[in-house]
Amino acid sequence: MATMPFVSEGKCVSVEWDFLQGLLAKPPTLPCLQNLRKEKSRNAARSRRGKENFEFFELAKMLPLPGAITSQLDKASVIRLTISYLHMRTFASQGDPPWIPLLEGDNCSKER
């Protein structure tokens, strides 16, 4: 009988192969190298998610809202509120909107 390596619960083990009967005690599911690659990929994805979540948390802290509210926001809400805040800040920094003099002019002409 010969032995073949296969992966069981994240560990490489050897399983005996019966050449006479052509039976395998346990089927080889993944080679050790493929299992290591999957684990590395999972760890990289976990690291990316952690970094992304940290940036969303930092962005939420910068919003002009109480911490009790920003700590409960999901990612989409953080982006949506950030975009709205930036639009409002840009609008407010432009001073009086162009229609204010027109409205004041209309009031003056109606009063006379």
PDB file of N, CA and C in Angstrom:
ATOM      1  N   MET A   1       0.827  -1.182   0.000  1.00  0.00           N
ATOM      2  CA  MET A   1       0.000   0.000   0.000  1.00  0.00           C
ATOM      3  C   MET A   1       0.870   1.243   0.000  1.00  0.00           C
ATOM      4  N   ALA A   2       0.395   2.283  -0.699  1.00  0.00           N
ATOM      5  CA  ALA A   2       1.095   3.556  -0.759  1.00  0.00           C
ATOM      6  C   ALA A   2       0.297   4.589   0.017  1.00  0.00           C
ATOM      7  N   THR A   3       0.946   5.662   0.367  1.00  0.00           N
ATOM      8  CA  THR A   3       0.242   6.725   1.069  1.00  0.00           C
ATOM      9  C   THR A   3       0.166   7.951   0.192  1.00  0.00           C
ATOM     10  N   MET A   4      -0.944   8.688   0.326  1.00  0.00           N
ATOM     11  CA  MET A   4      -1.145   9.938  -0.417  1.00  0.00           C
ATOM     12  C   MET A   4      -1.481  11.043   0.572  1.00  0.00           C
ATOM     13  N   PRO A   5      -0.876  12.230   0.424  1.00  0.00           N
ATOM     14  CA  PRO A   5      -1.206  13.334   1.331  1.00  0.00           C
ATOM     15  C   PRO A   5      -2.549  13.952   0.936  1.00  0.00           C
ATOM     16  N   PHE A   6      -3.305  14.383   1.914  1.00  0.00           N
ATOM     17  CA  PHE A   6      -4.498  15.176   1.659  1.00  0.00           C
ATOM     18  C   PHE A   6      -4.767  16.049   2.867  1.00  0.00           C
ATOM     19  N   VAL A   7      -5.704  16.984   2.713  1.00  0.00           N
ATOM     20  CA  VAL A   7      -5.949  17.989   3.738  1.00  0.00           C
ATOM     21  C   VAL A   7      -7.162  17.589   4.559  1.00  0.00           C
ATOM     22  N   SER A   8      -7.026  17.654   5.849  1.00  0.00           N
ATOM     23  CA  SER A   8      -8.131  17.381   6.760  1.00  0.00           C
ATOM     24  C   SER A   8      -8.098  18.432   7.848  1.00  0.00           C
ATOM     25  N   GLU A   9      -9.107  19.274   7.902  1.00  0.00           N
ATOM     26  CA  GLU A   9      -9.224  20.328   8.907  1.00  0.00           C
ATOM     27  C   GLU A   9      -7.985  21.207   8.938  1.00  0.00           C
ATOM     28  N   GLY A  10      -7.511  21.615   7.792  1.00  0.00           N
ATOM     29  CA  GLY A  10      -6.398  22.536   7.706  1.00  0.00           C
ATOM     30  C   GLY A  10      -5.027  21.915   7.882  1.00  0.00           C
ATOM     31  N   LYS A  11      -4.947  20.583   8.050  1.00  0.00           N
ATOM     32  CA  LYS A  11      -3.652  19.927   8.236  1.00  0.00           C
ATOM     33  C   LYS A  11      -3.459  18.883   7.154  1.00  0.00           C
ATOM     34  N   CYS A  12      -2.229  18.727   6.699  1.00  0.00           N
ATOM     35  CA  CYS A  12      -1.911  17.700   5.716  1.00  0.00           C
ATOM     36  C   CYS A  12      -1.728  16.376   6.446  1.00  0.00           C
ATOM     37  N   VAL A  13      -2.401  15.355   5.978  1.00  0.00           N
ATOM     38  CA  VAL A  13      -2.260  14.022   6.565  1.00  0.00           C
ATOM     39  C   VAL A  13      -2.065  13.025   5.439  1.00  0.00           C
ATOM     40  N   SER A  14      -1.551  11.874   5.771  1.00  0.00           N
ATOM     41  CA  SER A  14      -1.372  10.815   4.775  1.00  0.00           C
ATOM     42  C   SER A  14      -2.474   9.784   4.931  1.00  0.00           C
ATOM     43  N   VAL A  15      -2.962   9.303   3.802  1.00  0.00           N
ATOM     44  CA  VAL A  15      -4.018   8.293   3.796  1.00  0.00           C
ATOM     45  C   VAL A  15      -3.521   7.120   2.972  1.00  0.00           C
ATOM     46  N   GLU A  16      -3.793   5.923   3.420  1.00  0.00           N
ATOM     47  CA  GLU A  16      -3.343   4.747   2.695  1.00  0.00           C
ATOM     48  C   GLU A  16      -4.226   4.488   1.486  1.00  0.00           C
ATOM     49  N   TRP A  17      -3.604   4.152   0.385  1.00  0.00           N
ATOM     50  CA  TRP A  17      -4.290   3.850  -0.871  1.00  0.00           C
ATOM     51  C   TRP A  17      -4.129   2.362  -1.129  1.00  0.00           C
ATOM     52  N   ASP A  18      -5.210   1.692  -1.355  1.00  0.00           N
ATOM     53  CA  ASP A  18      -5.163   0.256  -1.628  1.00  0.00           C
ATOM     54  C   ASP A  18      -5.196   0.073  -3.138  1.00  0.00           C
ATOM     55  N   PHE A  19      -4.033  -0.190  -3.747  1.00  0.00           N
ATOM     56  CA  PHE A  19      -3.973  -0.314  -5.202  1.00  0.00           C
ATOM     57  C   PHE A  19      -4.737  -1.543  -5.708  1.00  0.00           C
ATOM     58  N   LEU A  20      -4.821  -2.580  -4.905  1.00  0.00           N
ATOM     59  CA  LEU A  20      -5.505  -3.790  -5.343  1.00  0.00           C
ATOM     60  C   LEU A  20      -7.007  -3.572  -5.475  1.00  0.00           C
ATOM     61  N   GLN A  21      -7.569  -2.868  -4.548  1.00  0.00           N
ATOM     62  CA  GLN A  21      -9.008  -2.642  -4.605  1.00  0.00           C
ATOM     63  C   GLN A  21      -9.357  -1.307  -5.241  1.00  0.00           C
ATOM     64  N   GLY A  22      -8.382  -0.443  -5.392  1.00  0.00           N
ATOM     65  CA  GLY A  22      -8.639   0.870  -5.978  1.00  0.00           C
ATOM     66  C   GLY A  22      -9.487   1.752  -5.084  1.00  0.00           C
ATOM     67  N   LEU A  23      -9.441   1.505  -3.806  1.00  0.00           N
ATOM     68  CA  LEU A  23     -10.249   2.277  -2.857  1.00  0.00           C
ATOM     69  C   LEU A  23      -9.349   3.226  -2.077  1.00  0.00           C
ATOM     70  N   LEU A  24      -9.907   4.315  -1.730  1.00  0.00           N
ATOM     71  CA  LEU A  24      -9.202   5.300  -0.930  1.00  0.00           C
ATOM     72  C   LEU A  24      -9.952   5.428   0.383  1.00  0.00           C
ATOM     73  N   ALA A  25      -9.252   5.299   1.473  1.00  0.00           N
ATOM     74  CA  ALA A  25      -9.914   5.386   2.773  1.00  0.00           C
ATOM     75  C   ALA A  25     -10.624   6.733   2.918  1.00  0.00           C
ATOM     76  N   LYS A  26      -9.962   7.803   2.551  1.00  0.00           N
ATOM     77  CA  LYS A  26     -10.566   9.138   2.530  1.00  0.00           C
ATOM     78  C   LYS A  26     -10.147   9.798   1.223  1.00  0.00           C
ATOM     79  N   PRO A  27     -11.076  10.423   0.512  1.00  0.00           N
ATOM     80  CA  PRO A  27     -10.695  11.057  -0.757  1.00  0.00           C
ATOM     81  C   PRO A  27      -9.851  12.302  -0.514  1.00  0.00           C
ATOM     82  N   PRO A  28      -8.813  12.492  -1.333  1.00  0.00           N
ATOM     83  CA  PRO A  28      -8.023  13.724  -1.180  1.00  0.00           C
ATOM     84  C   PRO A  28      -8.847  14.897  -1.699  1.00  0.00           C
ATOM     85  N   THR A  29      -9.125  15.845  -0.822  1.00  0.00           N
ATOM     86  CA  THR A  29      -9.962  16.977  -1.211  1.00  0.00           C
ATOM     87  C   THR A  29      -9.142  18.146  -1.735  1.00  0.00           C
ATOM     88  N   LEU A  30      -8.132  18.559  -0.994  1.00  0.00           N
ATOM     89  CA  LEU A  30      -7.303  19.678  -1.414  1.00  0.00           C
ATOM     90  C   LEU A  30      -5.839  19.374  -1.131  1.00  0.00           C
ATOM     91  N   PRO A  31      -4.960  19.683  -2.047  1.00  0.00           N
ATOM     92  CA  PRO A  31      -3.543  19.539  -1.723  1.00  0.00           C
ATOM     93  C   PRO A  31      -3.135  20.605  -0.709  1.00  0.00           C
ATOM     94  N   CYS A  32      -2.063  20.365  -0.015  1.00  0.00           N
ATOM     95  CA  CYS A  32      -1.609  21.266   1.039  1.00  0.00           C
ATOM     96  C   CYS A  32      -1.343  22.677   0.514  1.00  0.00           C
ATOM     97  N   LEU A  33      -0.762  22.804  -0.646  1.00  0.00           N
ATOM     98  CA  LEU A  33      -0.433  24.105  -1.209  1.00  0.00           C
ATOM     99  C   LEU A  33      -1.691  24.920  -1.479  1.00  0.00           C
ATOM    100  N   GLN A  34      -2.711  24.279  -2.005  1.00  0.00           N
ATOM    101  CA  GLN A  34      -3.956  24.982  -2.300  1.00  0.00           C
ATOM    102  C   GLN A  34      -4.621  25.447  -1.002  1.00  0.00           C
ATOM    103  N   ASN A  35      -4.554  24.644   0.027  1.00  0.00           N
ATOM    104  CA  ASN A  35      -5.127  25.024   1.315  1.00  0.00           C
ATOM    105  C   ASN A  35      -4.390  26.234   1.893  1.00  0.00           C
ATOM    106  N   LEU A  36      -3.072  26.251   1.765  1.00  0.00           N
ATOM    107  CA  LEU A  36      -2.292  27.383   2.252  1.00  0.00           C
ATOM    108  C   LEU A  36      -2.624  28.658   1.482  1.00  0.00           C
ATOM    109  N   ARG A  37      -2.827  28.538   0.173  1.00  0.00           N
ATOM    110  CA  ARG A  37      -3.189  29.705  -0.640  1.00  0.00           C
ATOM    111  C   ARG A  37      -4.546  30.259  -0.217  1.00  0.00           C
ATOM    112  N   LYS A  38      -5.500  29.356   0.042  1.00  0.00           N
ATOM    113  CA  LYS A  38      -6.823  29.801   0.477  1.00  0.00           C
ATOM    114  C   LYS A  38      -6.740  30.533   1.813  1.00  0.00           C
ATOM    115  N   GLU A  39      -5.957  30.005   2.714  1.00  0.00           N
ATOM    116  CA  GLU A  39      -5.792  30.637   4.021  1.00  0.00           C
ATOM    117  C   GLU A  39      -5.151  32.016   3.879  1.00  0.00           C
ATOM    118  N   LYS A  40      -4.147  32.114   3.015  1.00  0.00           N
ATOM    119  CA  LYS A  40      -3.479  33.393   2.778  1.00  0.00           C
ATOM    120  C   LYS A  40      -4.452  34.395   2.173  1.00  0.00           C
ATOM    121  N   SER A  41      -5.279  33.952   1.242  1.00  0.00           N
ATOM    122  CA  SER A  41      -6.272  34.817   0.618  1.00  0.00           C
ATOM    123  C   SER A  41      -7.307  35.289   1.641  1.00  0.00           C
ATOM    124  N   ARG A  42      -7.748  34.373   2.507  1.00  0.00           N
ATOM    125  CA  ARG A  42      -8.707  34.739   3.563  1.00  0.00           C
ATOM    126  C   ARG A  42      -8.113  35.784   4.492  1.00  0.00           C
ATOM    127  N   ASN A  43      -6.855  35.593   4.860  1.00  0.00           N
ATOM    128  CA  ASN A  43      -6.200  36.557   5.745  1.00  0.00           C
ATOM    129  C   ASN A  43      -6.037  37.911   5.079  1.00  0.00           C
ATOM    130  N   ALA A  44      -5.705  37.929   3.793  1.00  0.00           N
ATOM    131  CA  ALA A  44      -5.566  39.188   3.071  1.00  0.00           C
ATOM    132  C   ALA A  44      -6.904  39.909   2.984  1.00  0.00           C
ATOM    133  N   ALA A  45      -7.968  39.172   2.718  1.00  0.00           N
ATOM    134  CA  ALA A  45      -9.304  39.781   2.646  1.00  0.00           C
ATOM    135  C   ALA A  45      -9.713  40.321   4.015  1.00  0.00           C
ATOM    136  N   ARG A  46      -9.407  39.580   5.069  1.00  0.00           N
ATOM    137  CA  ARG A  46      -9.731  40.038   6.426  1.00  0.00           C
ATOM    138  C   ARG A  46      -8.973  41.327   6.735  1.00  0.00           C
ATOM    139  N   SER A  47      -7.718  41.406   6.325  1.00  0.00           N
ATOM    140  CA  SER A  47      -6.913  42.598   6.555  1.00  0.00           C
ATOM    141  C   SER A  47      -7.475  43.794   5.783  1.00  0.00           C
ATOM    142  N   ARG A  48      -7.852  43.568   4.515  1.00  0.00           N
ATOM    143  CA  ARG A  48      -8.442  44.659   3.717  1.00  0.00           C
ATOM    144  C   ARG A  48      -9.728  45.168   4.345  1.00  0.00           C
ATOM    145  N   ARG A  49     -10.588  44.244   4.789  1.00  0.00           N
ATOM    146  CA  ARG A  49     -11.845  44.650   5.424  1.00  0.00           C
ATOM    147  C   ARG A  49     -11.587  45.446   6.696  1.00  0.00           C
ATOM    148  N   GLY A  50     -10.583  45.031   7.453  1.00  0.00           N
ATOM    149  CA  GLY A  50     -10.251  45.756   8.675  1.00  0.00           C
ATOM    150  C   GLY A  50      -9.791  47.176   8.391  1.00  0.00           C
ATOM    151  N   LYS A  51      -8.937  47.329   7.385  1.00  0.00           N
ATOM    152  CA  LYS A  51      -8.472  48.665   7.005  1.00  0.00           C
ATOM    153  C   LYS A  51      -9.622  49.525   6.481  1.00  0.00           C
ATOM    154  N   GLU A  52     -10.481  48.915   5.671  1.00  0.00           N
ATOM    155  CA  GLU A  52     -11.633  49.634   5.127  1.00  0.00           C
ATOM    156  C   GLU A  52     -12.572  50.075   6.247  1.00  0.00           C
ATOM    157  N   ASN A  53     -12.861  49.193   7.176  1.00  0.00           N
ATOM    158  CA  ASN A  53     -13.733  49.546   8.293  1.00  0.00           C
ATOM    159  C   ASN A  53     -13.146  50.657   9.143  1.00  0.00           C
ATOM    160  N   PHE A  54     -11.832  50.645   9.335  1.00  0.00           N
ATOM    161  CA  PHE A  54     -11.178  51.713  10.082  1.00  0.00           C
ATOM    162  C   PHE A  54     -11.368  53.056   9.383  1.00  0.00           C
ATOM    163  N   GLU A  55     -11.196  53.082   8.059  1.00  0.00           N
ATOM    164  CA  GLU A  55     -11.362  54.338   7.316  1.00  0.00           C
ATOM    165  C   GLU A  55     -12.802  54.835   7.375  1.00  0.00           C
ATOM    166  N   PHE A  56     -13.778  53.930   7.289  1.00  0.00           N
ATOM    167  CA  PHE A  56     -15.173  54.335   7.420  1.00  0.00           C
ATOM    168  C   PHE A  56     -15.450  54.895   8.808  1.00  0.00           C
ATOM    169  N   PHE A  57     -14.866  54.284   9.834  1.00  0.00           N
ATOM    170  CA  PHE A  57     -15.038  54.762  11.198  1.00  0.00           C
ATOM    171  C   PHE A  57     -14.456  56.164  11.343  1.00  0.00           C
ATOM    172  N   GLU A  58     -13.262  56.383  10.796  1.00  0.00           N
ATOM    173  CA  GLU A  58     -12.635  57.710  10.859  1.00  0.00           C
ATOM    174  C   GLU A  58     -13.470  58.748  10.111  1.00  0.00           C
ATOM    175  N   LEU A  59     -13.985  58.382   8.947  1.00  0.00           N
ATOM    176  CA  LEU A  59     -14.825  59.291   8.171  1.00  0.00           C
ATOM    177  C   LEU A  59     -16.100  59.630   8.934  1.00  0.00           C
ATOM    178  N   ALA A  60     -16.709  58.644   9.572  1.00  0.00           N
ATOM    179  CA  ALA A  60     -17.929  58.878  10.346  1.00  0.00           C
ATOM    180  C   ALA A  60     -17.657  59.817  11.516  1.00  0.00           C
ATOM    181  N   LYS A  61     -16.477  59.699  12.145  1.00  0.00           N
ATOM    182  CA  LYS A  61     -16.144  60.591  13.259  1.00  0.00           C
ATOM    183  C   LYS A  61     -16.020  62.039  12.810  1.00  0.00           C
ATOM    184  N   MET A  62     -15.684  62.279  11.538  1.00  0.00           N
ATOM    185  CA  MET A  62     -15.521  63.644  11.035  1.00  0.00           C
ATOM    186  C   MET A  62     -16.855  64.316  10.710  1.00  0.00           C
ATOM    187  N   LEU A  63     -17.912  63.550  10.616  1.00  0.00           N
ATOM    188  CA  LEU A  63     -19.220  64.133  10.313  1.00  0.00           C
ATOM    189  C   LEU A  63     -19.696  64.978  11.490  1.00  0.00           C
ATOM    190  N   PRO A  64     -20.404  66.080  11.194  1.00  0.00           N
ATOM    191  CA  PRO A  64     -20.891  66.949  12.281  1.00  0.00           C
ATOM    192  C   PRO A  64     -22.147  66.364  12.940  1.00  0.00           C
ATOM    193  N   LEU A  65     -22.013  65.192  13.522  1.00  0.00           N
ATOM    194  CA  LEU A  65     -23.111  64.499  14.191  1.00  0.00           C
ATOM    195  C   LEU A  65     -22.605  63.960  15.524  1.00  0.00           C
ATOM    196  N   PRO A  66     -23.511  63.734  16.466  1.00  0.00           N
ATOM    197  CA  PRO A  66     -23.075  63.155  17.750  1.00  0.00           C
ATOM    198  C   PRO A  66     -22.480  61.762  17.562  1.00  0.00           C
ATOM    199  N   GLY A  67     -21.544  61.420  18.415  1.00  0.00           N
ATOM    200  CA  GLY A  67     -20.885  60.121  18.330  1.00  0.00           C
ATOM    201  C   GLY A  67     -21.835  58.950  18.487  1.00  0.00           C
ATOM    202  N   ALA A  68     -22.912  59.153  19.275  1.00  0.00           N
ATOM    203  CA  ALA A  68     -23.888  58.082  19.456  1.00  0.00           C
ATOM    204  C   ALA A  68     -24.574  57.733  18.133  1.00  0.00           C
ATOM    205  N   ILE A  69     -24.694  58.703  17.252  1.00  0.00           N
ATOM    206  CA  ILE A  69     -25.323  58.456  15.948  1.00  0.00           C
ATOM    207  C   ILE A  69     -24.313  57.866  14.971  1.00  0.00           C
ATOM    208  N   THR A  70     -23.133  58.470  14.889  1.00  0.00           N
ATOM    209  CA  THR A  70     -22.153  58.016  13.896  1.00  0.00           C
ATOM    210  C   THR A  70     -21.653  56.611  14.187  1.00  0.00           C
ATOM    211  N   SER A  71     -21.664  56.191  15.447  1.00  0.00           N
ATOM    212  CA  SER A  71     -21.194  54.842  15.758  1.00  0.00           C
ATOM    213  C   SER A  71     -22.188  53.775  15.294  1.00  0.00           C
ATOM    214  N   GLN A  72     -23.426  54.161  14.997  1.00  0.00           N
ATOM    215  CA  GLN A  72     -24.453  53.214  14.576  1.00  0.00           C
ATOM    216  C   GLN A  72     -24.666  53.175  13.070  1.00  0.00           C
ATOM    217  N   LEU A  73     -23.913  53.985  12.318  1.00  0.00           N
ATOM    218  CA  LEU A  73     -24.117  54.078  10.875  1.00  0.00           C
ATOM    219  C   LEU A  73     -23.442  52.934  10.128  1.00  0.00           C
ATOM    220  N   ASP A  74     -24.093  52.459   9.066  1.00  0.00           N
ATOM    221  CA  ASP A  74     -23.455  51.472   8.200  1.00  0.00           C
ATOM    222  C   ASP A  74     -22.632  52.214   7.147  1.00  0.00           C
ATOM    223  N   LYS A  75     -21.907  51.465   6.328  1.00  0.00           N
ATOM    224  CA  LYS A  75     -20.997  52.076   5.360  1.00  0.00           C
ATOM    225  C   LYS A  75     -21.725  52.951   4.350  1.00  0.00           C
ATOM    226  N   ALA A  76     -22.845  52.481   3.835  1.00  0.00           N
ATOM    227  CA  ALA A  76     -23.596  53.251   2.840  1.00  0.00           C
ATOM    228  C   ALA A  76     -24.092  54.568   3.435  1.00  0.00           C
ATOM    229  N   SER A  77     -24.526  54.542   4.685  1.00  0.00           N
ATOM    230  CA  SER A  77     -25.004  55.767   5.342  1.00  0.00           C
ATOM    231  C   SER A  77     -23.867  56.747   5.568  1.00  0.00           C
ATOM    232  N   VAL A  78     -22.693  56.249   5.916  1.00  0.00           N
ATOM    233  CA  VAL A  78     -21.532  57.126   6.102  1.00  0.00           C
ATOM    234  C   VAL A  78     -21.207  57.831   4.792  1.00  0.00           C
ATOM    235  N   ILE A  79     -21.197  57.104   3.693  1.00  0.00           N
ATOM    236  CA  ILE A  79     -20.904  57.711   2.389  1.00  0.00           C
ATOM    237  C   ILE A  79     -21.994  58.719   2.008  1.00  0.00           C
ATOM    238  N   ARG A  80     -23.258  58.327   2.173  1.00  0.00           N
ATOM    239  CA  ARG A  80     -24.378  59.202   1.819  1.00  0.00           C
ATOM    240  C   ARG A  80     -24.335  60.495   2.631  1.00  0.00           C
ATOM    241  N   LEU A  81     -24.149  60.411   3.945  1.00  0.00           N
ATOM    242  CA  LEU A  81     -24.102  61.609   4.786  1.00  0.00           C
ATOM    243  C   LEU A  81     -22.867  62.458   4.498  1.00  0.00           C
ATOM    244  N   THR A  82     -21.758  61.828   4.188  1.00  0.00           N
ATOM    245  CA  THR A  82     -20.549  62.579   3.846  1.00  0.00           C
ATOM    246  C   THR A  82     -20.750  63.380   2.571  1.00  0.00           C
ATOM    247  N   ILE A  83     -21.351  62.774   1.568  1.00  0.00           N
ATOM    248  CA  ILE A  83     -21.614  63.475   0.307  1.00  0.00           C
ATOM    249  C   ILE A  83     -22.574  64.639   0.545  1.00  0.00           C
ATOM    250  N   SER A  84     -23.626  64.409   1.316  1.00  0.00           N
ATOM    251  CA  SER A  84     -24.584  65.481   1.623  1.00  0.00           C
ATOM    252  C   SER A  84     -23.901  66.616   2.369  1.00  0.00           C
ATOM    253  N   TYR A  85     -23.055  66.273   3.338  1.00  0.00           N
ATOM    254  CA  TYR A  85     -22.349  67.298   4.098  1.00  0.00           C
ATOM    255  C   TYR A  85     -21.434  68.120   3.188  1.00  0.00           C
ATOM    256  N   LEU A  86     -20.729  67.462   2.285  1.00  0.00           N
ATOM    257  CA  LEU A  86     -19.837  68.188   1.373  1.00  0.00           C
ATOM    258  C   LEU A  86     -20.628  69.103   0.436  1.00  0.00           C
ATOM    259  N   HIS A  87     -21.789  68.643  -0.033  1.00  0.00           N
ATOM    260  CA  HIS A  87     -22.637  69.501  -0.864  1.00  0.00           C
ATOM    261  C   HIS A  87     -23.097  70.724  -0.082  1.00  0.00           C
ATOM    262  N   MET A  88     -23.529  70.518   1.149  1.00  0.00           N
ATOM    263  CA  MET A  88     -24.005  71.637   1.973  1.00  0.00           C
ATOM    264  C   MET A  88     -22.867  72.601   2.294  1.00  0.00           C
ATOM    265  N   ARG A  89     -21.693  72.080   2.569  1.00  0.00           N
ATOM    266  CA  ARG A  89     -20.552  72.935   2.879  1.00  0.00           C
ATOM    267  C   ARG A  89     -20.159  73.778   1.669  1.00  0.00           C
ATOM    268  N   THR A  90     -20.183  73.165   0.483  1.00  0.00           N
ATOM    269  CA  THR A  90     -19.873  73.911  -0.741  1.00  0.00           C
ATOM    270  C   THR A  90     -20.928  74.982  -0.993  1.00  0.00           C
ATOM    271  N   PHE A  91     -22.172  74.631  -0.791  1.00  0.00           N
ATOM    272  CA  PHE A  91     -23.268  75.581  -0.985  1.00  0.00           C
ATOM    273  C   PHE A  91     -23.150  76.754  -0.006  1.00  0.00           C
ATOM    274  N   ALA A  92     -22.847  76.467   1.253  1.00  0.00           N
ATOM    275  CA  ALA A  92     -22.747  77.514   2.264  1.00  0.00           C
ATOM    276  C   ALA A  92     -21.528  78.401   2.048  1.00  0.00           C
ATOM    277  N   SER A  93     -20.461  77.877   1.483  1.00  0.00           N
ATOM    278  CA  SER A  93     -19.248  78.673   1.297  1.00  0.00           C
ATOM    279  C   SER A  93     -19.366  79.658   0.140  1.00  0.00           C
ATOM    280  N   GLN A  94     -20.385  79.520  -0.684  1.00  0.00           N
ATOM    281  CA  GLN A  94     -20.552  80.415  -1.819  1.00  0.00           C
ATOM    282  C   GLN A  94     -21.262  81.708  -1.448  1.00  0.00           C
ATOM    283  N   GLY A  95     -21.628  81.877  -0.201  1.00  0.00           N
ATOM    284  CA  GLY A  95     -22.286  83.099   0.237  1.00  0.00           C
ATOM    285  C   GLY A  95     -23.764  83.075  -0.136  1.00  0.00           C
ATOM    286  N   ASP A  96     -24.303  84.289  -0.294  1.00  0.00           N
ATOM    287  CA  ASP A  96     -25.722  84.384  -0.643  1.00  0.00           C
ATOM    288  C   ASP A  96     -25.976  83.779  -2.010  1.00  0.00           C
ATOM    289  N   PRO A  97     -27.021  83.001  -2.135  1.00  0.00           N
ATOM    290  CA  PRO A  97     -27.340  82.443  -3.449  1.00  0.00           C
ATOM    291  C   PRO A  97     -27.778  83.544  -4.414  1.00  0.00           C
ATOM    292  N   PRO A  98     -27.625  83.321  -5.707  1.00  0.00           N
ATOM    293  CA  PRO A  98     -27.909  84.370  -6.689  1.00  0.00           C
ATOM    294  C   PRO A  98     -29.375  84.803  -6.725  1.00  0.00           C
ATOM    295  N   TRP A  99     -30.300  84.042  -6.211  1.00  0.00           N
ATOM    296  CA  TRP A  99     -31.702  84.426  -6.286  1.00  0.00           C
ATOM    297  C   TRP A  99     -32.128  85.366  -5.156  1.00  0.00           C
ATOM    298  N   ILE A 100     -31.306  85.574  -4.125  1.00  0.00           N
ATOM    299  CA  ILE A 100     -31.656  86.465  -3.018  1.00  0.00           C
ATOM    300  C   ILE A 100     -31.851  87.905  -3.505  1.00  0.00           C
ATOM    301  N   PRO A 101     -30.937  88.486  -4.311  1.00  0.00           N
ATOM    302  CA  PRO A 101     -31.174  89.867  -4.776  1.00  0.00           C
ATOM    303  C   PRO A 101     -32.450  89.975  -5.620  1.00  0.00           C
ATOM    304  N   LEU A 102     -32.757  88.965  -6.356  1.00  0.00           N
ATOM    305  CA  LEU A 102     -33.975  89.009  -7.157  1.00  0.00           C
ATOM    306  C   LEU A 102     -35.207  89.050  -6.270  1.00  0.00           C
ATOM    307  N   LEU A 103     -35.209  88.268  -5.214  1.00  0.00           N
ATOM    308  CA  LEU A 103     -36.337  88.255  -4.286  1.00  0.00           C
ATOM    309  C   LEU A 103     -36.452  89.583  -3.553  1.00  0.00           C
ATOM    310  N   GLU A 104     -35.323  90.143  -3.133  1.00  0.00           N
ATOM    311  CA  GLU A 104     -35.349  91.437  -2.454  1.00  0.00           C
ATOM    312  C   GLU A 104     -35.811  92.530  -3.406  1.00  0.00           C
ATOM    313  N   GLY A 105     -35.396  92.448  -4.646  1.00  0.00           N
ATOM    314  CA  GLY A 105     -35.834  93.436  -5.644  1.00  0.00           C
ATOM    315  C   GLY A 105     -37.331  93.346  -5.897  1.00  0.00           C
ATOM    316  N   ASP A 106     -37.883  92.159  -5.920  1.00  0.00           N
ATOM    317  CA  ASP A 106     -39.318  91.987  -6.113  1.00  0.00           C
ATOM    318  C   ASP A 106     -40.091  92.554  -4.930  1.00  0.00           C
ATOM    319  N   ASN A 107     -39.587  92.360  -3.709  1.00  0.00           N
ATOM    320  CA  ASN A 107     -40.260  92.893  -2.533  1.00  0.00           C
ATOM    321  C   ASN A 107     -40.245  94.400  -2.546  1.00  0.00           C
ATOM    322  N   CYS A 108     -39.147  94.989  -2.967  1.00  0.00           N
ATOM    323  CA  CYS A 108     -39.035  96.454  -2.992  1.00  0.00           C
ATOM    324  C   CYS A 108     -40.019  97.034  -3.995  1.00  0.00           C
ATOM    325  N   SER A 109     -40.147  96.433  -5.157  1.00  0.00           N
ATOM    326  CA  SER A 109     -41.019  96.973  -6.192  1.00  0.00           C
ATOM    327  C   SER A 109     -42.480  96.801  -5.806  1.00  0.00           C
ATOM    328  N   LYS A 110     -42.830  95.770  -5.053  1.00  0.00           N
ATOM    329  CA  LYS A 110     -44.210  95.558  -4.634  1.00  0.00           C
ATOM    330  C   LYS A 110     -44.606  96.521  -3.528  1.00  0.00           C
ATOM    331  N   GLU A 111     -43.624  96.916  -2.690  1.00  0.00           N
ATOM    332  CA  GLU A 111     -43.924  97.809  -1.572  1.00  0.00           C
ATOM    333  C   GLU A 111     -44.156  99.228  -2.070  1.00  0.00           C
ATOM    334  N   ARG A 112     -43.562  99.619  -3.142  1.00  0.00           N
ATOM    335  CA  ARG A 112     -43.671 101.005  -3.616  1.00  0.00           C
ATOM    336  C   ARG A 112     -44.922 101.250  -4.294  1.00  0.00           C
TER     337      ARG A 112
END
